[in-house]
C-alpha cells in the first residue's frame, strides 16, 4: 500500500501560506534537489484549485530558456505524475494527466491509496485539513524556513490532535530544516 503524504514549506511559526511569503530557504538548489529526489516516486498529486493553479507552472517550466538541471528534473517528474484537482469552480485543467473531482471523498481517497503502486501527496492546507480530519495522512513532511510570519494559513488545521513520530530530519546550509513525521 502506498503512503498518503502531506508536505509543504512552512514558516518557523507553523504557517503554510502567508501574505508576504514564507521566507527563504526553499528556493535553494540543494533543497530543491533534495525535494526532487524525495518526491520523484510520487504517482499522484491531490490538489485544491489554488494549489493546482500554483503548481501547473511545472507543465511548461522546461520550455523556459536557461533553466538549471534541478528545475528541469522537477518539471519532468511533475509531468509524469497523475494529478487530481478538487474544485467546484475550476472548468478545465491545463496540464496532462490531470482530472477534476468536485468533492473530496475520504472513502474514494482511501481506496485510491490502497490500490496505488506509488505514494500520493495531498498538497495545500485546505485540502490537507480534510485528509487529516479523515485520518488519511500517513506522513507529514515539513520544510521549515527560518522566518516567523505572524499569521496566515496554518500547516495543521485548528482543533486536530495528532501524536506523530519523527522519522527523519535534515538541516540545510540555507537554514531550512526538513522534518518527516509518521502518523502514530
Protein backbone atom coordinates (compact mmCIF):
# COMPACT_ATOMS: atom_id res chain seq x y z
CA UNK A 1 0.00 0.00 0.00
CA UNK A 2 1.21 3.47 -0.86
CA UNK A 3 1.57 6.29 1.66
CA UNK A 4 -0.50 9.46 1.63
CA UNK A 5 1.92 12.31 2.33
CA UNK A 6 1.20 15.91 3.27
CA UNK A 7 4.18 18.12 2.55
CA UNK A 8 4.66 21.87 2.37
CA UNK A 9 7.07 24.64 3.09
CA UNK A 10 6.13 26.19 6.41
CA UNK A 11 7.30 29.16 8.41
CA UNK A 12 9.01 28.66 11.74
CA UNK A 13 5.72 29.61 13.43
CA UNK A 14 3.75 26.94 11.53
CA UNK A 15 2.15 28.75 8.59
CA UNK A 16 1.96 27.12 5.15
CA UNK A 17 0.66 30.29 3.49
CA UNK A 18 1.36 33.87 4.41
CA UNK A 19 0.55 37.20 2.80
CA UNK A 20 4.20 38.20 2.35
CA UNK A 21 5.57 34.71 1.69
CA UNK A 22 7.21 32.18 3.97
CA UNK A 23 10.79 33.36 3.94
CA UNK A 24 13.91 31.94 2.44
CA UNK A 25 15.43 28.52 2.02
CA UNK A 26 13.06 26.58 -0.23
CA UNK A 27 14.47 28.10 -3.41
CA UNK A 28 18.00 26.88 -2.60
CA UNK A 29 19.26 24.44 -5.31
CA UNK A 30 20.39 21.99 -2.60
CA UNK A 31 16.90 21.96 -1.09
CA UNK A 32 15.21 21.73 -4.48
CA UNK A 33 17.39 18.76 -5.48
CA UNK A 34 16.51 17.05 -2.19
CA UNK A 35 12.80 17.68 -2.85
CA UNK A 36 13.20 16.28 -6.38
CA UNK A 37 14.73 13.07 -5.05
CA UNK A 38 12.17 12.78 -2.26
CA UNK A 39 9.10 13.20 -4.46
CA UNK A 40 10.25 11.53 -7.68
CA UNK A 41 8.43 8.29 -6.66
CA UNK A 42 5.10 10.10 -6.16
CA UNK A 43 2.49 8.73 -8.53
CA UNK A 44 -0.40 11.08 -7.81
CA UNK A 45 -0.75 14.63 -6.52
CA UNK A 46 -4.01 15.70 -4.89
CA UNK A 47 -4.58 19.45 -5.17
CA UNK A 48 -7.15 22.05 -4.34
CA UNK A 49 -7.79 24.62 -7.05
CA UNK A 50 -5.41 27.27 -5.74
CA UNK A 51 -2.52 24.87 -5.19
CA UNK A 52 -3.07 23.40 -8.66
CA UNK A 53 -3.00 26.88 -10.18
CA UNK A 54 0.37 27.42 -8.49
CA UNK A 55 1.82 24.04 -9.44
CA UNK A 56 0.65 23.97 -13.08
CA UNK A 57 3.71 26.13 -13.78
CA UNK A 58 5.66 22.84 -13.92
CA UNK A 59 3.76 21.76 -17.03
CA UNK A 60 5.74 24.27 -19.11
CA UNK A 61 8.73 25.17 -16.89
CA UNK A 62 11.04 23.06 -19.02
CA UNK A 63 10.37 25.32 -22.03
CA UNK A 64 11.84 28.42 -20.38
CA UNK A 65 15.41 29.01 -21.58
CA UNK A 66 18.27 28.71 -19.11
CA UNK A 67 16.53 26.54 -16.52
CA UNK A 68 19.02 24.79 -14.20
CA UNK A 69 19.06 20.98 -14.11
CA UNK A 70 17.21 20.69 -10.79
CA UNK A 71 14.29 22.72 -12.19
CA UNK A 72 14.18 20.67 -15.39
CA UNK A 73 14.19 17.44 -13.37
CA UNK A 74 11.31 18.57 -11.14
CA UNK A 75 9.29 19.57 -14.21
CA UNK A 76 9.82 16.12 -15.77
CA UNK A 77 8.86 14.36 -12.54
CA UNK A 78 5.76 16.51 -12.04
CA UNK A 79 4.63 15.98 -15.61
CA UNK A 80 4.98 12.19 -15.24
CA UNK A 81 2.64 12.02 -12.23
CA UNK A 82 -1.16 11.92 -12.17
CA UNK A 83 -2.92 14.97 -10.77
CA UNK A 84 -6.39 15.21 -9.22
CA UNK A 85 -7.77 18.69 -8.62
CA UNK A 86 -10.62 19.09 -6.14
CA UNK A 87 -12.65 22.12 -7.14
CA UNK A 88 -16.25 23.18 -7.51
CA UNK A 89 -15.31 26.16 -9.68
CA UNK A 90 -12.49 25.06 -12.00
CA UNK A 91 -13.89 24.49 -15.50
CA UNK A 92 -10.88 22.78 -17.09
CA UNK A 93 -7.26 21.88 -16.47
CA UNK A 94 -4.22 22.92 -18.48
CA UNK A 95 -1.91 20.01 -17.74
CA UNK A 96 -1.71 16.42 -18.94
CA UNK A 97 -2.57 13.50 -16.66
CA UNK A 98 -4.96 15.73 -14.70
CA UNK A 99 -8.61 15.39 -13.82
CA UNK A 100 -11.09 17.40 -11.78
CA UNK A 101 -13.14 15.99 -8.91
CA UNK A 102 -15.89 18.17 -7.48
CA UNK A 103 -15.71 16.90 -3.89
CA UNK A 104 -13.08 15.36 -1.66
CA UNK A 105 -14.44 11.96 -0.66
CA UNK A 106 -12.30 10.28 2.03
CA UNK A 107 -13.55 6.79 1.12
CA UNK A 108 -12.52 7.26 -2.51
CA UNK A 109 -9.09 8.57 -1.49
CA UNK A 110 -8.66 5.65 0.92
CA UNK A 111 -9.38 3.20 -1.96
CA UNK A 112 -7.03 5.09 -4.28
CA UNK A 113 -4.27 4.90 -1.69
CA UNK A 114 -4.88 1.20 -1.01
CA UNK A 115 -4.59 0.32 -4.70
CA UNK A 116 -1.73 2.69 -5.61
CA UNK A 117 1.71 1.40 -6.53
CA UNK A 118 3.32 4.78 -5.78
CA UNK A 119 2.90 7.30 -2.98
CA UNK A 120 0.28 10.04 -3.14
CA UNK A 121 0.60 13.58 -1.85
CA UNK A 122 -2.10 15.91 -0.66
CA UNK A 123 -0.99 19.49 -1.21
CA UNK A 124 -2.32 22.72 0.22
CA UNK A 125 -3.51 23.37 3.77
CA UNK A 126 -7.24 23.42 2.96
CA UNK A 127 -7.34 20.08 1.17
CA UNK A 128 -4.84 18.56 3.60
CA UNK A 129 -7.09 19.58 6.51
CA UNK A 130 -9.84 17.37 5.08
CA UNK A 131 -7.44 14.44 4.69
CA UNK A 132 -6.04 14.95 8.21
CA UNK A 133 -9.51 15.14 9.75
CA UNK A 134 -10.45 11.90 7.93
CA UNK A 135 -7.34 10.17 9.31
CA UNK A 136 -5.88 9.56 5.84
CA UNK A 137 -2.42 11.11 6.13
CA UNK A 138 0.38 8.60 6.76
CA UNK A 139 3.32 11.01 6.76
CA UNK A 140 3.93 14.72 7.24
CA UNK A 141 6.90 16.33 5.51
CA UNK A 142 7.65 19.85 6.74
CA UNK A 143 10.20 22.14 5.13
CA UNK A 144 10.62 24.75 7.85
CA UNK A 145 12.03 28.14 6.86
CA UNK A 146 13.90 30.50 9.14
CA UNK A 147 11.09 33.09 9.10
CA UNK A 148 8.36 33.87 11.60
CA UNK A 149 5.49 35.37 9.59
CA UNK A 150 2.96 36.05 12.34
CA UNK A 151 -0.13 34.78 10.55
CA UNK A 152 -1.64 33.08 7.53
CA UNK A 153 -2.92 29.59 6.86
CA UNK A 154 -1.54 27.10 9.30
CA UNK A 155 0.15 23.86 8.22
CA UNK A 156 -2.01 21.87 10.66
CA UNK A 157 -5.72 22.65 10.97
CA UNK A 158 -7.04 24.02 14.25
CA UNK A 159 -8.62 21.56 16.64
CA UNK A 160 -6.75 18.47 15.44
CA UNK A 161 -4.68 16.43 17.90
CA UNK A 162 -2.00 14.17 16.42
CA UNK A 163 0.72 12.08 18.00
CA UNK A 164 3.48 11.87 15.42
CA UNK A 165 6.80 10.05 15.39
CA UNK A 166 9.88 11.75 13.98
CA UNK A 167 11.34 9.57 11.22
CA UNK A 168 13.92 11.81 9.61
CA UNK A 169 15.37 15.29 9.90
CA UNK A 170 17.88 17.30 7.93
CA UNK A 171 19.25 20.82 8.16
CA UNK A 172 20.36 22.64 5.01
CA UNK A 173 23.01 25.34 4.62
CA UNK A 174 20.25 27.87 3.85
CA UNK A 175 18.87 27.34 7.36
CA UNK A 176 15.82 25.42 6.16
CA UNK A 177 15.02 22.29 8.16
CA UNK A 178 13.31 19.20 6.77
CA UNK A 179 11.35 17.07 9.24
CA UNK A 180 9.45 13.89 8.31
CA UNK A 181 6.90 12.51 10.74
CA UNK A 182 4.84 9.32 10.64
CA UNK A 183 1.28 9.25 11.94
CA UNK A 184 1.03 7.26 15.18
